[in-house]
Amino acid sequence: MNSPTGLAAVAAVLLVAGLVAVAGAGTDRAALLDVRHDILVERAFVPSAQRPQGEVRIVRRGDHTVVQTLLYTRVLKRVFGAIADKERRNWPAAATGHADMERYVAALEEFRRAAASRPDPPGAETDRRVRALIEFVDAPGAPLVAIGGVDIEGTGGSIRVRGRTTPVVLDLSSVYVRRNMRLIVADAFRLADEEAAARIAKAAGP
């Protein structure tokens, strides 16, 4: 699968060198999702550097901090299953943010189903890796989660995001987005919650 796409059922496929046009969204939304001038602050390979299926990245995008999960994996179902298990443990039914978690997990599953049903392009070399970009963006007044395909180049520690397909965007609560950013960073970098929060805050710059 050399040319990953977004969710065909709910999003038109559009790769524009990283600038995303989201239907119904204004300039501010497009800027929040524009990967062209990202500054990579830190990365951690997941589940490990020895057998990476992707990486968790702390990114500075303008005035905002973004926590990315960048995946390039042949076992997307297993990876998404692990994510869903952690989500349900962290956001039980009584927790504020549980409904946001359910929407997020459902969007992951829809992406997975679309990726599994997508045929390889005619004449393309077989590459069973699915490339996906999940972003938690802490934008004041407009926290969001974006899920979609991604165009990358390089290998190992030199992988760079070149652009993205039009993502599915979930407008979720600041409680959910901010806490999940900390949880994702703490898990990937093996940090205490307080240290994860400090690294995210530091990434925003002075």
N, C-alpha and C. Protein backbone atom coordinates (compact mmCIF):
# COMPACT_ATOMS: atom_id res chain seq x y z
N MET A 1 0.84 -1.17 0.00
CA MET A 1 0.00 0.00 0.00
C MET A 1 0.89 1.23 0.00
N ASN A 2 1.36 1.61 -1.16
CA ASN A 2 2.32 2.69 -1.24
C ASN A 2 1.69 4.06 -1.18
N SER A 3 0.39 4.18 -1.45
CA SER A 3 -0.27 5.48 -1.46
C SER A 3 -1.47 5.44 -0.52
N PRO A 4 -1.25 5.61 0.81
CA PRO A 4 -2.33 5.50 1.76
C PRO A 4 -3.35 6.60 1.55
N THR A 5 -4.60 6.28 1.85
CA THR A 5 -5.66 7.26 1.71
C THR A 5 -6.35 7.45 3.03
N GLY A 6 -7.19 8.42 3.12
CA GLY A 6 -7.99 8.65 4.31
C GLY A 6 -9.20 7.74 4.29
N LEU A 7 -10.15 8.01 5.13
CA LEU A 7 -11.34 7.18 5.20
C LEU A 7 -12.21 7.49 4.01
N ALA A 8 -12.29 6.53 3.07
CA ALA A 8 -13.00 6.77 1.83
C ALA A 8 -14.47 7.04 2.05
N ALA A 9 -15.03 6.43 3.07
CA ALA A 9 -16.47 6.58 3.29
C ALA A 9 -16.85 7.94 3.82
N VAL A 10 -15.92 8.65 4.47
CA VAL A 10 -16.29 9.89 5.12
C VAL A 10 -15.41 11.07 4.76
N ALA A 11 -14.35 10.86 3.99
CA ALA A 11 -13.46 11.97 3.66
C ALA A 11 -12.92 11.81 2.25
N ALA A 12 -12.91 12.88 1.49
CA ALA A 12 -12.34 12.86 0.15
C ALA A 12 -10.83 12.81 0.28
N VAL A 13 -10.19 12.08 -0.64
CA VAL A 13 -8.75 11.94 -0.59
C VAL A 13 -8.10 13.14 -1.25
N LEU A 14 -7.24 13.82 -0.50
CA LEU A 14 -6.62 15.02 -1.04
C LEU A 14 -5.27 15.22 -0.38
N LEU A 15 -4.19 15.03 -1.15
CA LEU A 15 -2.85 15.25 -0.64
C LEU A 15 -2.31 16.51 -1.27
N VAL A 16 -2.09 17.55 -0.46
CA VAL A 16 -1.66 18.83 -1.01
C VAL A 16 -0.43 19.29 -0.24
N ALA A 17 0.64 18.53 -0.36
CA ALA A 17 1.93 18.87 0.24
C ALA A 17 1.80 19.30 1.69
N GLY A 18 0.86 18.67 2.39
CA GLY A 18 0.74 18.92 3.81
C GLY A 18 -0.32 19.91 4.18
N LEU A 19 -0.84 20.73 3.27
CA LEU A 19 -1.88 21.68 3.60
C LEU A 19 -3.22 21.02 3.39
N VAL A 20 -4.00 20.89 4.43
CA VAL A 20 -5.23 20.13 4.37
C VAL A 20 -6.41 21.06 4.23
N ALA A 21 -7.28 20.76 3.27
CA ALA A 21 -8.53 21.47 3.14
C ALA A 21 -9.62 20.60 3.73
N VAL A 22 -10.17 21.00 4.85
CA VAL A 22 -11.18 20.21 5.52
C VAL A 22 -12.53 20.81 5.19
N ALA A 23 -13.43 19.97 4.69
CA ALA A 23 -14.73 20.45 4.28
C ALA A 23 -15.42 21.14 5.45
N GLY A 24 -15.93 22.34 5.20
CA GLY A 24 -16.67 23.07 6.20
C GLY A 24 -15.81 23.79 7.20
N ALA A 25 -14.48 23.70 7.08
CA ALA A 25 -13.61 24.34 8.04
C ALA A 25 -13.00 25.59 7.45
N GLY A 26 -12.67 26.53 8.32
CA GLY A 26 -12.10 27.79 7.87
C GLY A 26 -10.60 27.75 7.87
N THR A 27 -10.00 28.91 7.69
CA THR A 27 -8.55 29.02 7.61
C THR A 27 -7.90 28.55 8.89
N ASP A 28 -8.48 28.86 10.05
CA ASP A 28 -7.87 28.46 11.32
C ASP A 28 -7.75 26.95 11.42
N ARG A 29 -8.78 26.23 11.02
CA ARG A 29 -8.74 24.78 11.07
C ARG A 29 -7.66 24.24 10.14
N ALA A 30 -7.57 24.79 8.95
CA ALA A 30 -6.54 24.34 8.01
C ALA A 30 -5.15 24.56 8.59
N ALA A 31 -4.94 25.70 9.25
CA ALA A 31 -3.64 25.98 9.84
C ALA A 31 -3.32 25.00 10.97
N LEU A 32 -4.32 24.62 11.74
CA LEU A 32 -4.10 23.68 12.83
C LEU A 32 -3.64 22.31 12.32
N LEU A 33 -3.97 21.99 11.07
CA LEU A 33 -3.66 20.68 10.51
C LEU A 33 -2.53 20.72 9.47
N ASP A 34 -1.91 21.86 9.31
CA ASP A 34 -0.87 22.04 8.30
C ASP A 34 0.47 21.55 8.84
N VAL A 35 0.99 20.47 8.27
CA VAL A 35 2.22 19.84 8.77
C VAL A 35 3.49 20.41 8.14
N ARG A 36 3.36 21.37 7.22
CA ARG A 36 4.52 21.77 6.42
C ARG A 36 5.65 22.40 7.21
N HIS A 37 5.32 23.08 8.31
CA HIS A 37 6.36 23.79 9.05
C HIS A 37 6.53 23.24 10.47
N ASP A 38 6.14 21.99 10.65
CA ASP A 38 6.27 21.37 11.96
C ASP A 38 7.73 21.33 12.42
N ILE A 39 7.91 21.51 13.71
CA ILE A 39 9.22 21.32 14.33
C ILE A 39 9.12 20.10 15.24
N LEU A 40 9.88 19.07 14.90
CA LEU A 40 9.88 17.86 15.70
C LEU A 40 10.73 18.09 16.95
N VAL A 41 10.11 17.96 18.11
CA VAL A 41 10.81 18.21 19.37
C VAL A 41 11.39 16.92 19.93
N GLU A 42 10.55 15.87 20.01
CA GLU A 42 11.00 14.58 20.52
C GLU A 42 10.23 13.47 19.82
N ARG A 43 10.85 12.29 19.77
CA ARG A 43 10.16 11.11 19.24
C ARG A 43 10.56 9.89 20.04
N ALA A 44 9.63 8.94 20.11
CA ALA A 44 9.88 7.65 20.75
C ALA A 44 9.27 6.58 19.86
N PHE A 45 10.06 5.56 19.52
CA PHE A 45 9.55 4.48 18.69
C PHE A 45 8.62 3.59 19.52
N VAL A 46 7.55 3.13 18.88
CA VAL A 46 6.58 2.27 19.57
C VAL A 46 6.38 0.99 18.76
N PRO A 47 6.25 -0.17 19.42
CA PRO A 47 6.37 -0.33 20.87
C PRO A 47 7.81 -0.24 21.38
N SER A 48 8.81 -0.32 20.47
CA SER A 48 10.20 -0.21 20.89
C SER A 48 11.05 0.12 19.66
N ALA A 49 12.28 0.59 19.92
CA ALA A 49 13.20 0.88 18.82
C ALA A 49 13.64 -0.39 18.10
N GLN A 50 13.57 -1.53 18.80
CA GLN A 50 14.00 -2.79 18.20
C GLN A 50 12.96 -3.35 17.23
N ARG A 51 11.68 -3.08 17.46
CA ARG A 51 10.63 -3.56 16.56
C ARG A 51 9.57 -2.47 16.38
N PRO A 52 9.96 -1.39 15.75
CA PRO A 52 9.04 -0.25 15.63
C PRO A 52 7.88 -0.52 14.67
N GLN A 53 6.69 -0.14 15.11
CA GLN A 53 5.51 -0.12 14.25
C GLN A 53 5.12 1.34 13.95
N GLY A 54 5.87 2.24 14.55
CA GLY A 54 5.61 3.67 14.38
C GLY A 54 6.34 4.44 15.45
N GLU A 55 5.87 5.64 15.71
CA GLU A 55 6.49 6.47 16.73
C GLU A 55 5.49 7.47 17.27
N VAL A 56 5.71 7.84 18.52
CA VAL A 56 4.97 8.95 19.14
C VAL A 56 5.89 10.15 19.11
N ARG A 57 5.35 11.27 18.65
CA ARG A 57 6.16 12.46 18.42
C ARG A 57 5.53 13.67 19.11
N ILE A 58 6.36 14.47 19.73
CA ILE A 58 5.92 15.77 20.26
C ILE A 58 6.38 16.82 19.26
N VAL A 59 5.43 17.57 18.74
CA VAL A 59 5.68 18.48 17.62
C VAL A 59 5.22 19.89 18.00
N ARG A 60 6.00 20.87 17.58
CA ARG A 60 5.58 22.26 17.69
C ARG A 60 5.03 22.71 16.34
N ARG A 61 3.82 23.20 16.34
CA ARG A 61 3.18 23.68 15.11
C ARG A 61 2.68 25.10 15.38
N GLY A 62 3.45 26.07 14.95
CA GLY A 62 3.10 27.45 15.26
C GLY A 62 3.12 27.66 16.76
N ASP A 63 1.98 28.10 17.31
CA ASP A 63 1.88 28.33 18.75
C ASP A 63 1.31 27.13 19.50
N HIS A 64 1.13 26.01 18.81
CA HIS A 64 0.46 24.87 19.41
C HIS A 64 1.40 23.68 19.55
N THR A 65 1.11 22.86 20.56
CA THR A 65 1.80 21.60 20.72
C THR A 65 0.91 20.49 20.18
N VAL A 66 1.50 19.58 19.43
CA VAL A 66 0.78 18.46 18.84
C VAL A 66 1.45 17.17 19.30
N VAL A 67 0.65 16.22 19.74
CA VAL A 67 1.16 14.88 20.03
C VAL A 67 0.70 13.98 18.89
N GLN A 68 1.66 13.46 18.15
CA GLN A 68 1.38 12.63 16.98
C GLN A 68 1.68 11.17 17.29
N THR A 69 0.83 10.30 16.76
CA THR A 69 1.18 8.89 16.63
C THR A 69 1.29 8.61 15.14
N LEU A 70 2.51 8.41 14.70
CA LEU A 70 2.80 8.14 13.29
C LEU A 70 3.03 6.65 13.13
N LEU A 71 2.20 5.99 12.33
CA LEU A 71 2.27 4.55 12.18
C LEU A 71 2.70 4.16 10.77
N TYR A 72 3.54 3.13 10.70
CA TYR A 72 3.91 2.50 9.43
C TYR A 72 4.03 1.00 9.73
N THR A 73 2.90 0.34 9.68
CA THR A 73 2.81 -1.01 10.24
C THR A 73 2.06 -1.96 9.34
N ARG A 74 2.43 -3.22 9.40
CA ARG A 74 1.71 -4.28 8.69
C ARG A 74 0.65 -4.91 9.58
N VAL A 75 0.60 -4.53 10.84
CA VAL A 75 -0.33 -5.16 11.79
C VAL A 75 -1.22 -4.07 12.41
N LEU A 76 -1.91 -3.32 11.55
CA LEU A 76 -2.71 -2.20 12.03
C LEU A 76 -3.80 -2.65 13.00
N LYS A 77 -4.43 -3.78 12.72
CA LYS A 77 -5.49 -4.25 13.61
C LYS A 77 -4.95 -4.47 15.02
N ARG A 78 -3.77 -5.07 15.12
CA ARG A 78 -3.18 -5.31 16.43
C ARG A 78 -2.82 -4.00 17.12
N VAL A 79 -2.24 -3.07 16.37
CA VAL A 79 -1.84 -1.78 16.94
C VAL A 79 -3.06 -1.00 17.42
N PHE A 80 -4.09 -0.92 16.59
CA PHE A 80 -5.29 -0.20 16.98
C PHE A 80 -6.00 -0.90 18.14
N GLY A 81 -5.92 -2.24 18.19
CA GLY A 81 -6.49 -2.97 19.30
C GLY A 81 -5.81 -2.61 20.61
N ALA A 82 -4.48 -2.47 20.57
CA ALA A 82 -3.74 -2.09 21.77
C ALA A 82 -4.11 -0.67 22.20
N ILE A 83 -4.26 0.23 21.22
CA ILE A 83 -4.66 1.60 21.54
C ILE A 83 -6.05 1.61 22.18
N ALA A 84 -6.98 0.87 21.60
CA ALA A 84 -8.34 0.83 22.13
C ALA A 84 -8.37 0.27 23.55
N ASP A 85 -7.57 -0.76 23.82
CA ASP A 85 -7.53 -1.33 25.17
C ASP A 85 -7.06 -0.28 26.18
N LYS A 86 -6.03 0.46 25.83
CA LYS A 86 -5.53 1.50 26.75
C LYS A 86 -6.57 2.59 26.94
N GLU A 87 -7.24 2.96 25.85
CA GLU A 87 -8.26 4.00 25.95
C GLU A 87 -9.36 3.60 26.92
N ARG A 88 -9.81 2.38 26.82
CA ARG A 88 -10.92 1.94 27.68
C ARG A 88 -10.49 1.82 29.14
N ARG A 89 -9.23 1.47 29.38
CA ARG A 89 -8.74 1.45 30.76
C ARG A 89 -8.63 2.86 31.33
N ASN A 90 -8.20 3.80 30.50
CA ASN A 90 -7.98 5.17 30.97
C ASN A 90 -9.27 5.97 31.10
N TRP A 91 -10.31 5.57 30.35
CA TRP A 91 -11.55 6.35 30.31
C TRP A 91 -12.74 5.42 30.56
N PRO A 92 -12.90 4.93 31.79
CA PRO A 92 -14.03 4.05 32.09
C PRO A 92 -15.36 4.79 31.98
N ALA A 93 -16.42 4.03 32.07
CA ALA A 93 -17.76 4.57 31.79
C ALA A 93 -18.10 5.78 32.66
N ALA A 94 -17.63 5.82 33.88
CA ALA A 94 -17.98 6.92 34.78
C ALA A 94 -17.11 8.16 34.58
N ALA A 95 -16.08 8.07 33.77
CA ALA A 95 -15.12 9.17 33.63
C ALA A 95 -15.64 10.25 32.70
N THR A 96 -15.36 11.51 33.06
CA THR A 96 -15.58 12.61 32.13
C THR A 96 -14.63 12.40 30.96
N GLY A 97 -15.16 12.41 29.75
CA GLY A 97 -14.33 12.12 28.58
C GLY A 97 -14.58 10.74 28.00
N HIS A 98 -15.38 9.93 28.69
CA HIS A 98 -15.65 8.58 28.19
C HIS A 98 -16.32 8.62 26.81
N ALA A 99 -17.28 9.50 26.62
CA ALA A 99 -17.97 9.58 25.32
C ALA A 99 -17.00 10.02 24.23
N ASP A 100 -16.07 10.93 24.56
CA ASP A 100 -15.05 11.33 23.59
C ASP A 100 -14.19 10.13 23.20
N MET A 101 -13.83 9.34 24.21
CA MET A 101 -13.03 8.14 23.94
C MET A 101 -13.75 7.20 23.00
N GLU A 102 -15.04 7.01 23.20
CA GLU A 102 -15.80 6.10 22.34
C GLU A 102 -15.81 6.61 20.90
N ARG A 103 -15.94 7.90 20.70
CA ARG A 103 -15.90 8.46 19.34
C ARG A 103 -14.53 8.25 18.70
N TYR A 104 -13.48 8.44 19.48
CA TYR A 104 -12.12 8.26 18.97
C TYR A 104 -11.88 6.81 18.57
N VAL A 105 -12.23 5.87 19.43
CA VAL A 105 -12.02 4.45 19.13
C VAL A 105 -12.84 4.03 17.91
N ALA A 106 -14.06 4.55 17.79
CA ALA A 106 -14.88 4.22 16.63
C ALA A 106 -14.26 4.76 15.34
N ALA A 107 -13.67 5.95 15.39
CA ALA A 107 -13.02 6.52 14.21
C ALA A 107 -11.78 5.71 13.82
N LEU A 108 -11.03 5.23 14.79
CA LEU A 108 -9.89 4.36 14.49
C LEU A 108 -10.35 3.09 13.77
N GLU A 109 -11.42 2.50 14.26
CA GLU A 109 -11.91 1.26 13.65
C GLU A 109 -12.39 1.51 12.23
N GLU A 110 -13.03 2.65 12.00
CA GLU A 110 -13.49 2.94 10.64
C GLU A 110 -12.30 3.13 9.71
N PHE A 111 -11.26 3.79 10.19
CA PHE A 111 -10.05 3.93 9.38
C PHE A 111 -9.46 2.56 9.07
N ARG A 112 -9.40 1.70 10.07
CA ARG A 112 -8.81 0.37 9.87
C ARG A 112 -9.58 -0.42 8.83
N ARG A 113 -10.90 -0.38 8.91
CA ARG A 113 -11.71 -1.13 7.94
C ARG A 113 -11.50 -0.60 6.52
N ALA A 114 -11.42 0.72 6.39
CA ALA A 114 -11.18 1.30 5.07
C ALA A 114 -9.82 0.89 4.53
N ALA A 115 -8.80 0.91 5.40
CA ALA A 115 -7.45 0.52 4.98
C ALA A 115 -7.40 -0.94 4.57
N ALA A 116 -8.11 -1.80 5.30
CA ALA A 116 -8.10 -3.23 5.01
C ALA A 116 -8.78 -3.55 3.69
N SER A 117 -9.76 -2.75 3.30
CA SER A 117 -10.52 -3.03 2.08
C SER A 117 -9.95 -2.35 0.85
N ARG A 118 -8.93 -1.53 1.03
CA ARG A 118 -8.38 -0.77 -0.09
C ARG A 118 -7.43 -1.64 -0.91
N PRO A 119 -7.64 -1.78 -2.21
CA PRO A 119 -6.73 -2.60 -3.04
C PRO A 119 -5.42 -1.86 -3.31
N ASP A 120 -4.38 -2.64 -3.57
CA ASP A 120 -3.12 -2.03 -3.98
C ASP A 120 -3.28 -1.42 -5.36
N PRO A 121 -2.62 -0.28 -5.63
CA PRO A 121 -2.69 0.31 -6.96
C PRO A 121 -2.13 -0.64 -8.00
N PRO A 122 -2.71 -0.70 -9.20
CA PRO A 122 -2.20 -1.58 -10.26
C PRO A 122 -0.73 -1.30 -10.55
N GLY A 123 0.07 -2.35 -10.62
CA GLY A 123 1.47 -2.20 -10.96
C GLY A 123 2.36 -1.76 -9.83
N ALA A 124 1.79 -1.49 -8.65
CA ALA A 124 2.60 -1.02 -7.53
C ALA A 124 3.32 -2.19 -6.88
N GLU A 125 4.51 -1.92 -6.35
CA GLU A 125 5.20 -2.95 -5.57
C GLU A 125 4.40 -3.21 -4.30
N THR A 126 4.35 -4.46 -3.92
CA THR A 126 3.57 -4.82 -2.73
C THR A 126 4.28 -4.31 -1.48
N ASP A 127 3.57 -3.53 -0.71
CA ASP A 127 4.05 -3.02 0.56
C ASP A 127 2.86 -3.06 1.50
N ARG A 128 2.87 -3.98 2.42
CA ARG A 128 1.71 -4.20 3.27
C ARG A 128 1.62 -3.24 4.45
N ARG A 129 2.56 -2.34 4.55
CA ARG A 129 2.49 -1.40 5.67
C ARG A 129 1.37 -0.38 5.42
N VAL A 130 0.63 -0.09 6.47
CA VAL A 130 -0.35 0.99 6.44
C VAL A 130 0.29 2.19 7.14
N ARG A 131 0.21 3.32 6.51
CA ARG A 131 0.77 4.55 7.08
C ARG A 131 -0.38 5.43 7.55
N ALA A 132 -0.35 5.78 8.80
CA ALA A 132 -1.44 6.55 9.39
C ALA A 132 -0.87 7.62 10.31
N LEU A 133 -1.59 8.73 10.42
CA LEU A 133 -1.19 9.81 11.30
C LEU A 133 -2.37 10.15 12.21
N ILE A 134 -2.16 10.01 13.50
CA ILE A 134 -3.15 10.39 14.51
C ILE A 134 -2.58 11.58 15.27
N GLU A 135 -3.35 12.64 15.36
CA GLU A 135 -2.87 13.84 16.03
C GLU A 135 -3.85 14.31 17.11
N PHE A 136 -3.29 14.63 18.26
CA PHE A 136 -4.02 15.34 19.32
C PHE A 136 -3.46 16.76 19.34
N VAL A 137 -4.33 17.72 19.06
CA VAL A 137 -3.91 19.12 18.93
C VAL A 137 -4.57 19.93 20.05
N ASP A 138 -3.74 20.52 20.90
CA ASP A 138 -4.25 21.32 22.01
C ASP A 138 -4.35 22.78 21.56
N ALA A 139 -5.43 23.09 20.86
CA ALA A 139 -5.67 24.45 20.39
C ALA A 139 -6.68 25.11 21.31
N PRO A 140 -6.34 26.24 21.95
CA PRO A 140 -7.28 26.88 22.87
C PRO A 140 -8.62 27.15 22.21
N GLY A 141 -9.67 26.66 22.84
CA GLY A 141 -11.01 26.86 22.31
C GLY A 141 -11.41 25.90 21.22
N ALA A 142 -10.45 25.13 20.69
CA ALA A 142 -10.77 24.22 19.58
C ALA A 142 -9.89 22.97 19.63
N PRO A 143 -9.84 22.27 20.77
CA PRO A 143 -9.03 21.04 20.82
C PRO A 143 -9.61 20.00 19.88
N LEU A 144 -8.73 19.24 19.23
CA LEU A 144 -9.22 18.29 18.24
C LEU A 144 -8.31 17.07 18.14
N VAL A 145 -8.86 16.05 17.51
CA VAL A 145 -8.12 14.84 17.15
C VAL A 145 -8.32 14.63 15.66
N ALA A 146 -7.24 14.36 14.94
CA ALA A 146 -7.30 14.13 13.49
C ALA A 146 -6.72 12.77 13.17
N ILE A 147 -7.41 12.01 12.32
CA ILE A 147 -6.99 10.65 11.95
C ILE A 147 -7.04 10.53 10.44
N GLY A 148 -5.93 10.12 9.82
CA GLY A 148 -5.93 9.96 8.38
C GLY A 148 -4.65 9.35 7.86
N GLY A 149 -4.54 9.27 6.56
CA GLY A 149 -3.33 8.75 5.93
C GLY A 149 -2.24 9.79 5.93
N VAL A 150 -1.03 9.35 5.61
CA VAL A 150 0.12 10.24 5.66
C VAL A 150 1.15 9.82 4.61
N ASP A 151 1.88 10.80 4.11
CA ASP A 151 2.96 10.56 3.17
C ASP A 151 4.27 10.82 3.89
N ILE A 152 5.14 9.81 3.96
CA ILE A 152 6.40 9.95 4.68
C ILE A 152 7.57 9.61 3.77
N GLU A 153 8.74 10.05 4.19
CA GLU A 153 9.96 9.67 3.49
C GLU A 153 11.05 9.38 4.51
N GLY A 154 12.07 8.62 4.08
CA GLY A 154 13.16 8.26 4.97
C GLY A 154 12.89 6.96 5.69
N THR A 155 13.86 6.56 6.48
CA THR A 155 13.75 5.32 7.26
C THR A 155 14.31 5.56 8.65
N GLY A 156 13.93 4.66 9.57
CA GLY A 156 14.48 4.72 10.92
C GLY A 156 14.29 6.06 11.58
N GLY A 157 15.37 6.58 12.14
CA GLY A 157 15.31 7.85 12.85
C GLY A 157 15.21 9.06 11.96
N SER A 158 15.26 8.85 10.65
CA SER A 158 15.20 10.00 9.73
C SER A 158 13.85 10.14 9.04
N ILE A 159 12.84 9.42 9.49
CA ILE A 159 11.53 9.51 8.86
C ILE A 159 10.97 10.91 9.03
N ARG A 160 10.46 11.44 7.93
CA ARG A 160 9.89 12.79 7.93
C ARG A 160 8.50 12.76 7.30
N VAL A 161 7.59 13.51 7.89
CA VAL A 161 6.24 13.65 7.35
C VAL A 161 6.27 14.66 6.21
N ARG A 162 5.90 14.23 5.02
CA ARG A 162 5.88 15.12 3.86
C ARG A 162 4.52 15.76 3.66
N GLY A 163 3.46 15.04 3.95
CA GLY A 163 2.12 15.56 3.74
C GLY A 163 1.11 14.58 4.28
N ARG A 164 -0.15 14.93 4.16
CA ARG A 164 -1.19 14.07 4.71
C ARG A 164 -2.40 14.07 3.80
N THR A 165 -3.17 13.00 3.89
CA THR A 165 -4.46 12.99 3.23
C THR A 165 -5.47 13.68 4.13
N THR A 166 -6.56 14.12 3.54
CA THR A 166 -7.56 14.83 4.33
C THR A 166 -8.04 13.94 5.46
N PRO A 167 -7.86 14.39 6.71
CA PRO A 167 -8.21 13.52 7.84
C PRO A 167 -9.66 13.66 8.25
N VAL A 168 -10.11 12.68 9.00
CA VAL A 168 -11.34 12.82 9.77
C VAL A 168 -10.97 13.61 11.03
N VAL A 169 -11.70 14.66 11.31
CA VAL A 169 -11.41 15.53 12.44
C VAL A 169 -12.52 15.41 13.48
N LEU A 170 -12.14 15.12 14.71
CA LEU A 170 -13.07 15.01 15.82
C LEU A 170 -12.89 16.20 16.75
N ASP A 171 -13.92 16.98 16.95
CA ASP A 171 -13.89 18.08 17.90
C ASP A 171 -14.28 17.50 19.26
N LEU A 172 -13.30 17.33 20.13
CA LEU A 172 -13.51 16.69 21.41
C LEU A 172 -13.19 17.65 22.54
N SER A 173 -13.52 17.26 23.75
CA SER A 173 -13.37 18.16 24.89
C SER A 173 -11.90 18.39 25.22
N SER A 174 -11.61 19.56 25.79
CA SER A 174 -10.25 19.85 26.21
C SER A 174 -9.80 18.90 27.31
N VAL A 175 -10.74 18.46 28.17
CA VAL A 175 -10.39 17.50 29.22
C VAL A 175 -9.83 16.23 28.60
N TYR A 176 -10.50 15.72 27.58
CA TYR A 176 -10.06 14.48 26.94
C TYR A 176 -8.76 14.68 26.17
N VAL A 177 -8.71 15.71 25.35
CA VAL A 177 -7.54 15.91 24.49
C VAL A 177 -6.29 16.15 25.31
N ARG A 178 -6.36 17.02 26.30
CA ARG A 178 -5.16 17.36 27.07
C ARG A 178 -4.68 16.20 27.93
N ARG A 179 -5.62 15.52 28.58
CA ARG A 179 -5.19 14.39 29.40
C ARG A 179 -4.64 13.27 28.53
N ASN A 180 -5.25 13.02 27.38
CA ASN A 180 -4.76 11.95 26.53
C ASN A 180 -3.38 12.27 25.97
N MET A 181 -3.11 13.53 25.68
CA MET A 181 -1.77 13.90 25.25
C MET A 181 -0.74 13.49 26.30
N ARG A 182 -1.05 13.78 27.56
CA ARG A 182 -0.13 13.39 28.63
C ARG A 182 0.00 11.88 28.74
N LEU A 183 -1.13 11.18 28.65
CA LEU A 183 -1.10 9.72 28.77
C LEU A 183 -0.30 9.08 27.64
N ILE A 184 -0.48 9.57 26.43
CA ILE A 184 0.23 9.01 25.27
C ILE A 184 1.73 9.23 25.42
N VAL A 185 2.12 10.45 25.79
CA VAL A 185 3.55 10.76 25.96
C VAL A 185 4.13 9.97 27.13
N ALA A 186 3.42 9.90 28.24
CA ALA A 186 3.92 9.15 29.40
C ALA A 186 4.14 7.69 29.05
N ASP A 187 3.21 7.09 28.31
CA ASP A 187 3.32 5.69 27.94
C ASP A 187 4.48 5.44 26.97
N ALA A 188 4.57 6.27 25.93
CA ALA A 188 5.58 6.05 24.89
C ALA A 188 7.00 6.34 25.38
N PHE A 189 7.13 7.40 26.19
CA PHE A 189 8.46 7.81 26.66
C PHE A 189 8.79 7.22 28.04
N ARG A 190 7.83 6.47 28.62
CA ARG A 190 8.01 5.84 29.93
C ARG A 190 8.31 6.90 30.99
N LEU A 191 7.38 7.82 31.12
CA LEU A 191 7.52 8.93 32.04
C LEU A 191 6.37 8.93 33.04
N ALA A 192 6.59 9.60 34.16
CA ALA A 192 5.49 9.90 35.06
C ALA A 192 4.60 10.97 34.41
N ASP A 193 3.36 11.03 34.86
CA ASP A 193 2.41 11.97 34.28
C ASP A 193 2.91 13.41 34.35
N GLU A 194 3.51 13.78 35.49
CA GLU A 194 3.98 15.15 35.67
C GLU A 194 5.09 15.50 34.68
N GLU A 195 6.00 14.55 34.46
CA GLU A 195 7.10 14.79 33.50
C GLU A 195 6.57 14.85 32.08
N ALA A 196 5.58 14.03 31.75
CA ALA A 196 4.97 14.10 30.42
C ALA A 196 4.34 15.46 30.19
N ALA A 197 3.62 15.96 31.20
CA ALA A 197 3.00 17.28 31.08
C ALA A 197 4.06 18.37 30.90
N ALA A 198 5.18 18.24 31.59
CA ALA A 198 6.25 19.25 31.49
C ALA A 198 6.88 19.24 30.11
N ARG A 199 7.06 18.07 29.53
CA ARG A 199 7.66 18.00 28.18
C ARG A 199 6.72 18.58 27.12
N ILE A 200 5.43 18.32 27.29
CA ILE A 200 4.46 18.88 26.34
C ILE A 200 4.45 20.40 26.45
N ALA A 201 4.45 20.91 27.67
CA ALA A 201 4.45 22.35 27.87
C ALA A 201 5.73 22.99 27.33
N LYS A 202 6.86 22.34 27.54
CA LYS A 202 8.15 22.87 27.06
C LYS A 202 8.20 22.93 25.53
N ALA A 203 7.52 21.97 24.88
CA ALA A 203 7.55 21.92 23.42
C ALA A 203 6.91 23.13 22.77
N ALA A 204 6.01 23.79 23.50
CA ALA A 204 5.33 24.97 22.95
C ALA A 204 6.28 26.15 22.80
N GLY A 205 7.47 26.07 23.42
CA GLY A 205 8.43 27.14 23.29
C GLY A 205 8.23 28.20 24.36
N PRO A 206 9.11 29.24 24.34
CA PRO A 206 9.03 30.28 25.37
C PRO A 206 7.76 31.10 25.24
